[in-house]
Amino acid sequence: MSRAISSEFALLDVMRGRVELARRINRGEKRIPVTIRGYITEVWGYDDGTSIEFQVEVTSAVERAR
């Protein structure tokens, strides 16, 4: 059974490609489309009544064409 999960933000630790990504943002590019896939592996934070943070094992992160 699938259930919808809603989120307003995600944190992503960028390793490869981080320098160019930072340059683009610093040059004024405000939004870079990306598709992220992975697995939720464990609870990372606490339930604050609004949300719970989870650790995600990222299997792919790809910039999308505009």
Protein backbone atom coordinates (compact mmCIF):
# COMPACT_ATOMS: atom_id res chain seq x y z
CA MET A 1 0.00 0.00 0.00
CA SER A 2 1.38 3.42 -0.97
CA ARG A 3 0.81 6.58 0.99
CA ALA A 4 1.62 10.13 -0.04
CA ILE A 5 4.44 11.80 1.87
CA SER A 6 4.60 15.57 1.93
CA SER A 7 7.77 17.56 2.46
CA GLU A 8 8.74 21.18 2.07
CA PHE A 9 12.50 20.60 1.89
CA ALA A 10 15.24 18.00 1.59
CA LEU A 11 18.91 18.09 2.50
CA LEU A 12 21.36 16.65 0.04
CA ASP A 13 25.08 16.17 0.66
CA VAL A 14 26.70 16.85 -2.73
CA MET A 15 30.10 15.28 -3.36
CA ARG A 16 30.81 15.00 -7.09
CA GLY A 17 29.79 18.14 -9.00
CA ARG A 18 29.68 20.36 -5.92
CA VAL A 19 32.12 23.01 -7.19
CA GLU A 20 30.25 23.63 -10.45
CA LEU A 21 26.90 23.56 -8.64
CA ALA A 22 28.13 26.20 -6.16
CA ARG A 23 29.44 28.36 -9.06
CA ARG A 24 26.08 28.26 -10.80
CA ILE A 25 24.22 29.25 -7.66
CA ASN A 26 26.78 31.99 -6.90
CA ARG A 27 26.38 33.35 -10.46
CA GLY A 28 22.70 33.91 -9.72
CA GLU A 29 21.02 30.76 -10.98
CA LYS A 30 18.13 30.45 -8.50
CA ARG A 31 16.64 27.06 -9.30
CA ILE A 32 18.35 23.98 -10.74
CA PRO A 33 15.92 21.12 -11.50
CA VAL A 34 16.98 17.76 -10.09
CA THR A 35 15.56 14.27 -9.63
CA ILE A 36 16.62 12.44 -6.47
CA ARG A 37 16.07 8.72 -5.83
CA GLY A 38 17.05 6.72 -2.81
CA TYR A 39 15.98 4.81 0.25
CA ILE A 40 14.88 5.99 3.69
CA THR A 41 17.22 4.05 5.97
CA GLU A 42 16.60 5.34 9.50
CA VAL A 43 15.03 8.01 11.64
CA TRP A 44 17.47 10.95 11.90
CA GLY A 45 15.53 13.47 14.02
CA TYR A 46 12.64 13.70 16.42
CA ASP A 47 8.95 14.29 15.89
CA ASP A 48 8.45 18.00 16.60
CA GLY A 49 4.72 17.79 16.00
CA THR A 50 5.15 18.86 12.37
CA SER A 51 7.72 16.53 10.84
CA ILE A 52 10.38 13.89 11.44
CA GLU A 53 13.76 13.91 9.68
CA PHE A 54 14.93 10.71 8.02
CA GLN A 55 18.30 9.61 6.72
CA VAL A 56 18.16 8.88 3.00
CA GLU A 57 20.64 6.69 1.15
CA VAL A 58 20.75 8.42 -2.25
CA THR A 59 21.12 6.03 -5.17
CA SER A 60 21.00 8.70 -7.87
CA ALA A 61 20.72 12.45 -8.21
CA VAL A 62 20.40 13.80 -11.73
CA GLU A 63 19.93 17.33 -12.97
CA ARG A 64 16.86 17.44 -15.17
CA ALA A 65 16.60 19.15 -18.53
CA ARG A 66 14.57 22.33 -18.41
